[in-house]
Protein backbone atom coordinates (compact mmCIF):
# COMPACT_ATOMS: atom_id res chain seq x y z
CA UNK A 1 0.06 -0.01 -0.10
CA UNK A 2 1.20 3.50 -0.85
CA UNK A 3 1.00 6.35 1.79
CA UNK A 4 1.49 10.19 1.32
CA UNK A 5 4.62 11.74 2.79
CA UNK A 6 3.49 15.24 2.88
CA UNK A 7 1.47 17.01 5.73
CA UNK A 8 -2.25 16.96 4.96
CA UNK A 9 -4.80 19.88 4.87
CA UNK A 10 -5.42 19.38 8.58
CA UNK A 11 -1.73 19.91 9.31
CA UNK A 12 -1.19 16.29 10.35
CA UNK A 13 1.35 13.83 9.05
CA UNK A 14 -0.59 10.97 7.56
CA UNK A 15 -0.09 7.49 8.85
CA UNK A 16 0.81 4.34 6.52
CA UNK A 17 -2.15 2.56 5.14
CA UNK A 18 -1.60 -0.34 7.44
CA UNK A 19 0.69 0.16 10.37
CA UNK A 20 3.94 -1.64 11.35
CA UNK A 21 3.94 -5.10 12.99
CA UNK A 22 5.96 -6.85 15.87
CA UNK A 23 8.32 -9.65 15.29
CA UNK A 24 6.70 -12.92 16.10
CA UNK A 25 8.14 -15.17 18.62
CA UNK A 26 9.70 -18.18 17.04
CA UNK A 27 9.56 -16.69 13.63
CA UNK A 28 11.96 -13.71 13.86
CA UNK A 29 11.47 -12.64 10.09
CA UNK A 30 7.64 -12.40 10.46
CA UNK A 31 5.83 -9.34 11.40
CA UNK A 32 2.41 -9.66 13.20
CA UNK A 33 0.31 -6.86 14.39
CA UNK A 34 -2.14 -7.30 17.37
CA UNK A 35 -5.29 -5.30 17.26
CA UNK A 36 -8.03 -4.89 19.99
CA UNK A 37 -11.83 -5.29 19.21
CA UNK A 38 -13.16 -4.00 22.47
CA UNK A 39 -14.91 -0.60 21.84
CA UNK A 40 -18.39 0.48 21.40
CA UNK A 41 -20.47 -2.24 23.25
CA UNK A 42 -21.54 -2.38 26.89
CA UNK A 43 -18.77 -0.95 29.09
CA UNK A 44 -16.91 -0.23 25.94
CA UNK A 45 -19.68 2.34 24.91
CA UNK A 46 -18.94 4.77 27.87
CA UNK A 47 -16.89 7.76 27.11
CA UNK A 48 -14.52 7.41 30.16
CA UNK A 49 -13.78 3.85 29.01
CA UNK A 50 -13.52 4.71 25.36
CA UNK A 51 -10.86 7.40 26.16
CA UNK A 52 -8.78 5.10 28.63
CA UNK A 53 -8.87 2.09 26.45
CA UNK A 54 -7.72 4.07 23.30
CA UNK A 55 -4.90 5.65 25.03
CA UNK A 56 -3.76 2.61 26.96
CA UNK A 57 -3.86 0.42 23.72
CA UNK A 58 -1.67 3.02 21.79
CA UNK A 59 0.68 3.33 24.74
CA UNK A 60 1.21 -0.44 24.96
CA UNK A 61 1.79 -1.03 21.32
CA UNK A 62 -1.58 -2.45 19.95
CA UNK A 63 -1.75 -1.61 16.22
CA UNK A 64 -5.63 -1.25 15.67
CA UNK A 65 -8.76 -0.39 17.54
CA UNK A 66 -11.76 -2.05 15.97
CA UNK A 67 -15.47 -1.38 16.41
CA UNK A 68 -18.39 -3.26 15.02
CA UNK A 69 -21.93 -2.30 14.11
CA UNK A 70 -25.49 -3.17 14.64
CA UNK A 71 -28.27 -0.38 14.44
CA UNK A 72 -31.03 -2.79 15.58
CA UNK A 73 -31.06 -5.66 18.04
CA UNK A 74 -34.30 -7.85 18.63
CA UNK A 75 -35.28 -10.22 21.55
CA UNK A 76 -36.30 -13.02 19.08
CA UNK A 77 -34.22 -12.69 15.89
CA UNK A 78 -35.41 -14.15 12.59
CA UNK A 79 -31.87 -14.70 11.23
CA UNK A 80 -29.21 -17.17 12.61
CA UNK A 81 -26.00 -15.57 13.88
CA UNK A 82 -23.33 -16.90 11.69
CA UNK A 83 -20.20 -16.63 13.90
CA UNK A 84 -20.64 -19.39 16.47
CA UNK A 85 -22.24 -22.88 16.71
CA UNK A 86 -25.13 -21.73 18.76
CA UNK A 87 -26.41 -19.33 16.14
CA UNK A 88 -26.95 -16.59 18.74
CA UNK A 89 -25.09 -13.16 18.99
CA UNK A 90 -23.27 -13.26 22.42
CA UNK A 91 -24.53 -9.58 23.15
CA UNK A 92 -27.59 -8.75 25.03
CA UNK A 93 -30.36 -7.21 22.97
CA UNK A 94 -30.52 -4.25 25.45
CA UNK A 95 -26.75 -3.47 25.42
CA UNK A 96 -25.50 -0.09 24.63
CA UNK A 97 -24.09 -0.26 21.03
CA UNK A 98 -22.51 2.92 19.88
CA UNK A 99 -22.23 3.94 16.13
CA UNK A 100 -18.74 2.80 15.10
CA UNK A 101 -17.77 5.97 13.18
CA UNK A 102 -18.75 8.25 16.17
CA UNK A 103 -17.07 5.69 18.66
CA UNK A 104 -13.91 5.71 16.74
CA UNK A 105 -14.06 9.62 16.32
CA UNK A 106 -13.74 9.94 20.03
CA UNK A 107 -10.91 7.17 20.01
CA UNK A 108 -9.17 9.23 17.38
CA UNK A 109 -9.38 12.44 19.55
CA UNK A 110 -7.74 10.56 22.38
CA UNK A 111 -4.85 9.16 20.51
CA UNK A 112 -2.18 9.98 17.99
CA UNK A 113 -0.81 6.90 16.03
CA UNK A 114 -3.05 3.87 16.48
CA UNK A 115 -5.03 2.74 13.44
CA UNK A 116 -8.99 2.86 13.81
CA UNK A 117 -11.06 0.31 11.88
CA UNK A 118 -14.79 -0.58 11.58
CA UNK A 119 -15.17 -4.25 12.08
CA UNK A 120 -17.38 -4.10 10.32
CA UNK A 121 -19.68 -1.40 9.27
CA UNK A 122 -22.89 -2.86 7.44
CA UNK A 123 -22.57 -1.06 4.41
CA UNK A 124 -25.77 -1.91 2.43
CA UNK A 125 -27.76 -0.38 5.52
CA UNK A 126 -26.26 3.09 4.68
CA UNK A 127 -26.20 5.73 2.03
CA UNK A 128 -22.87 5.36 0.21
CA UNK A 129 -22.54 9.13 -0.47
CA UNK A 130 -22.93 9.71 3.21
CA UNK A 131 -20.36 7.06 4.13
CA UNK A 132 -17.90 8.33 1.63
CA UNK A 133 -18.20 11.75 3.49
CA UNK A 134 -18.13 10.37 6.97
CA UNK A 135 -15.27 7.97 6.33
CA UNK A 136 -13.04 10.59 4.69
CA UNK A 137 -13.92 13.13 7.55
CA UNK A 138 -12.68 10.49 10.13
CA UNK A 139 -9.63 9.73 8.12
CA UNK A 140 -8.67 13.53 7.82
CA UNK A 141 -9.45 14.29 11.49
CA UNK A 142 -7.23 11.19 12.53
CA UNK A 143 -4.29 12.18 10.28
CA UNK A 144 -5.03 9.30 7.88
CA UNK A 145 -5.46 6.39 10.51
CA UNK A 146 -8.86 5.04 9.50
CA UNK A 147 -9.67 1.71 7.74
CA UNK A 148 -13.21 1.07 6.57
CA UNK A 149 -14.08 -2.53 7.28
CA UNK A 150 -17.43 -3.32 5.63
CA UNK A 151 -19.93 -6.29 5.49
CA UNK A 152 -23.11 -7.20 3.87
CA UNK A 153 -24.99 -7.99 7.22
CA UNK A 154 -26.79 -11.08 8.33
CA UNK A 155 -29.83 -9.84 10.39
CA UNK A 156 -33.05 -9.54 8.33
CA UNK A 157 -34.70 -8.02 11.29
CA UNK A 158 -32.17 -5.13 10.93
CA UNK A 159 -32.86 -4.49 7.35
CA UNK A 160 -36.68 -4.70 7.85
CA UNK A 161 -36.50 -2.11 10.51
CA UNK A 162 -34.31 0.24 8.33
CA UNK A 163 -36.45 -0.27 5.20
CA UNK A 164 -33.63 -1.52 3.23
CA UNK A 165 -34.04 -4.66 0.95
CA UNK A 166 -32.45 -7.74 2.45
CA UNK A 167 -32.11 -9.31 -0.94
CA UNK A 168 -29.03 -8.55 -3.19
CA UNK A 169 -27.35 -6.88 -0.25
CA UNK A 170 -24.00 -8.39 -1.35
CA UNK A 171 -24.33 -6.91 -4.93
CA UNK A 172 -25.31 -3.56 -3.30
CA UNK A 173 -22.18 -3.70 -0.99
CA UNK A 174 -19.91 -4.17 -3.92
CA UNK A 175 -21.45 -1.33 -5.88
CA UNK A 176 -21.39 1.08 -2.81
CA UNK A 177 -17.62 0.34 -2.39
CA UNK A 178 -17.13 1.26 -6.07
CA UNK A 179 -19.20 4.45 -5.79
CA UNK A 180 -17.43 5.46 -2.55
CA UNK A 181 -13.98 5.01 -3.99
CA UNK A 182 -14.86 7.17 -7.01
CA UNK A 183 -16.15 9.95 -4.66
CA UNK A 184 -12.93 9.80 -2.71
CA UNK A 185 -10.61 9.86 -5.88
CA UNK A 186 -12.41 12.33 -8.15
CA UNK A 187 -13.01 15.93 -7.69
CA UNK A 188 -16.25 15.86 -9.64
CA UNK A 189 -17.62 12.21 -9.42
CA UNK A 190 -20.17 10.65 -11.81
CA UNK A 191 -21.64 7.11 -11.18
CA UNK A 192 -24.40 5.27 -12.64
CA UNK A 193 -25.27 1.79 -11.39
CA UNK A 194 -28.11 -0.49 -10.40
CA UNK A 195 -28.21 0.95 -6.79
CA UNK A 196 -26.30 4.20 -6.89
CA UNK A 197 -26.88 7.04 -9.35
CA UNK A 198 -25.19 10.49 -9.26
CA UNK A 199 -23.83 12.86 -11.71
CA UNK A 200 -21.25 15.52 -11.42
CA UNK A 201 -21.05 15.88 -7.74
CA UNK A 202 -18.44 17.07 -5.31
CA UNK A 203 -17.91 15.44 -2.00
CA UNK A 204 -15.21 16.66 0.42
CA UNK A 205 -12.89 16.29 2.27
CA UNK A 206 -10.81 13.78 0.57
CA UNK A 207 -9.02 11.03 2.38
CA UNK A 208 -5.37 12.02 3.13
CA UNK A 209 -3.40 8.96 1.79
CA UNK A 210 -3.54 9.39 -1.92
CA UNK A 211 -7.33 10.00 -1.72
CA UNK A 212 -7.74 6.47 -0.43
CA UNK A 213 -8.99 4.80 2.79
CA UNK A 214 -8.30 1.09 2.86
CA UNK A 215 -11.48 -0.96 2.39
CA UNK A 216 -11.45 -4.27 4.23
CA UNK A 217 -14.36 -6.83 3.80
CA UNK A 218 -15.65 -9.06 6.35
CA UNK A 219 -17.22 -12.44 6.38
CA UNK A 220 -15.97 -16.13 6.53
CA UNK A 221 -18.14 -17.68 3.90
CA UNK A 222 -16.80 -18.57 0.51
CA UNK A 223 -18.86 -15.68 -1.14
CA UNK A 224 -17.42 -13.23 1.46
CA UNK A 225 -13.81 -14.43 0.76
CA UNK A 226 -14.37 -14.02 -2.85
CA UNK A 227 -15.54 -10.42 -2.30
CA UNK A 228 -12.43 -9.68 -0.22
CA UNK A 229 -10.23 -11.07 -2.98
CA UNK A 230 -12.01 -9.19 -5.88
CA UNK A 231 -12.79 -5.95 -4.33
CA UNK A 232 -11.04 -5.31 -1.05
CA UNK A 233 -7.80 -4.02 0.25
CA UNK A 234 -7.83 -6.77 2.86
CA UNK A 235 -10.19 -9.11 4.77
CA UNK A 236 -11.21 -9.26 8.41
CA UNK A 237 -12.08 -12.77 9.54
CA UNK A 238 -14.25 -12.78 12.66
CA UNK A 239 -14.40 -15.52 15.35
CA UNK A 240 -12.72 -18.19 13.31
CA UNK A 241 -12.61 -21.56 15.13
CA UNK A 242 -8.72 -22.21 15.21
CA UNK A 243 -5.85 -22.15 12.99
CA UNK A 244 -7.39 -24.80 10.53
CA UNK A 245 -10.32 -22.39 9.90
CA UNK A 246 -7.91 -19.61 9.29
CA UNK A 247 -6.00 -21.73 6.86
CA UNK A 248 -9.14 -22.67 4.93
CA UNK A 249 -10.12 -19.01 4.68
CA UNK A 250 -6.73 -17.79 3.67
CA UNK A 251 -6.40 -20.56 1.13
CA UNK A 252 -9.73 -19.50 -0.39
CA UNK A 253 -8.54 -16.01 -0.85
CA UNK A 254 -5.38 -17.07 -2.43
CA UNK A 255 -7.34 -19.03 -5.06
CA UNK A 256 -9.74 -16.22 -5.77
CA UNK A 257 -6.80 -13.96 -6.18
CA UNK A 258 -5.04 -16.25 -8.58
CA UNK A 259 -8.07 -16.60 -10.58
CA UNK A 260 -8.63 -12.93 -10.70
CA UNK A 261 -4.88 -12.28 -11.33
CA UNK A 262 -4.79 -10.11 -8.14
CA UNK A 263 -1.63 -10.00 -6.04
CA UNK A 264 -2.29 -11.78 -2.77
CA UNK A 265 0.48 -10.14 -1.10
CA UNK A 266 -1.02 -6.72 -1.45
CA UNK A 267 -4.12 -7.74 0.75
CA UNK A 268 -3.91 -6.92 4.37
CA UNK A 269 -5.46 -9.89 6.37
CA UNK A 270 -6.73 -9.56 9.93
CA UNK A 271 -8.40 -12.30 12.05
CA UNK A 272 -9.94 -12.97 15.34
CA UNK A 273 -9.71 -16.57 16.44
CA UNK A 274 -11.26 -18.42 19.43
CA UNK A 275 -9.17 -20.76 21.46
CA UNK A 276 -6.02 -19.28 20.22
CA UNK A 277 -2.67 -19.05 22.18
CA UNK A 278 0.52 -16.95 21.92
CA UNK A 279 2.47 -20.13 20.88
CA UNK A 280 0.39 -20.17 17.66
CA UNK A 281 1.33 -16.70 16.42
CA UNK A 282 4.22 -17.93 14.22
CA UNK A 283 1.83 -20.41 12.60
CA UNK A 284 -0.71 -17.57 12.03
CA UNK A 285 2.15 -15.40 10.35
CA UNK A 286 3.20 -18.41 8.16
CA UNK A 287 -0.42 -18.69 6.90
CA UNK A 288 -0.25 -15.01 5.61
CA UNK A 289 -2.14 -13.16 8.31
CA UNK A 290 -0.91 -9.65 9.12
CA UNK A 291 -2.98 -8.84 12.20
CA UNK A 292 -4.41 -10.82 15.21
CA UNK A 293 -7.43 -9.05 16.55
CA UNK A 294 -8.22 -9.77 20.25
CA UNK A 295 -11.95 -9.64 20.90
CA UNK A 296 -12.69 -8.90 24.51
CA UNK A 297 -14.99 -6.79 26.91
CA UNK A 298 -13.23 -3.98 28.93
CA UNK A 299 -13.88 -3.53 32.64
CA UNK A 300 -16.81 -1.21 33.50
CA UNK A 301 -14.72 1.24 35.50
CA UNK A 302 -12.39 3.49 33.43
CA UNK A 303 -9.90 3.44 36.40
CA UNK A 304 -9.29 -0.35 35.76
CA UNK A 305 -8.90 -0.20 31.97
CA UNK A 306 -5.27 0.69 31.93
CA UNK A 307 -4.23 -2.36 33.90
CA UNK A 308 -6.57 -4.47 31.98
CA UNK A 309 -4.90 -3.45 28.60
CA UNK A 310 -1.43 -3.71 30.14
CA UNK A 311 -2.17 -7.36 31.17
CA UNK A 312 -3.26 -8.14 27.52
CA UNK A 313 -0.13 -6.43 26.28
CA UNK A 314 2.11 -8.27 28.49
CA UNK A 315 0.56 -11.64 27.34
CA UNK A 316 0.48 -10.83 23.63
CA UNK A 317 3.11 -8.04 22.97
CA UNK A 318 5.83 -8.24 25.83
CA UNK A 319 8.85 -10.16 24.67
CA UNK A 320 8.40 -9.42 21.01
CA UNK A 321 10.61 -7.02 19.14
CA UNK A 322 10.08 -3.42 18.17
CA UNK A 323 7.49 -1.97 15.66
CA UNK A 324 10.02 -0.05 13.79
CA UNK A 325 9.83 -2.20 10.54
CA UNK A 326 7.21 -1.66 7.89
CA UNK A 327 4.17 -3.70 7.92
CA UNK A 328 2.36 -5.37 4.94
CA UNK A 329 0.80 -3.51 2.41
CA UNK A 330 -19.35 -10.54 7.37
CA UNK A 331 -21.01 -11.98 5.85
CA UNK A 332 -20.74 -9.61 8.59
């Protein structure tokens, strides 16, 4: 991935498209980033906790702060949750769940260098012109630290409540991404598609890294992996069940890239994995993953957050080398 080397319009030095990694224990030539998916839900939706967690994660060397999205939750869902065997989302329906772009804006204001990513934003539920502006605004205000993670969504209840068609949401997502990238890259943009139509419009500000925000696709199904390979700058695999599941997904992405004549090594791959240990980091790096994302809930008291993050860092980051070398580069 390329990155700008000049100061942007906000007077801030832009960050690389994807941050540097840490040297993996047992595999000294491999770089692995460690991200944290803990913002925006429950205790992680409280302003003091957001501030404390963001600052502590940056201080202790975590690479990325991730925040996911659900606009609507219901007590008796029509759709099966696709990311565990029980088919039920492990978040209470009455839990506070912040809008991820607003949550990450507060995290950006509390930090200076850590990357901020939606993991994931349910793109077909939104207006793509608004998302283009909101994402670029967050990128500018954070100094080029934002990554837009997108998914097609799985909850039929959510789409019904929003008045958005549930069918063809994958096609809509792909077209929305194309339209958003056009709005970012062109001063006067025109787009005529099946779901998006605009002519000769200006949307500012522009993202600070060559007018680009990395777009990462979520989802673990084969169609989702194909979308990531065909249209994404990367992939976020969520709640994968062990290294074997990671291998399956990454192999599928490699195959799709080969079929499409896309360079697999230009994709940035992030995964969260259940029942995973620090002794498996070298194996994860060998597969081709760039970032391991730890999914956890912070303590409810902001005063306890720093120690909680420190303990996570001591387990996952201490004993690994510096971050001075350059890094690489669902259905959600």
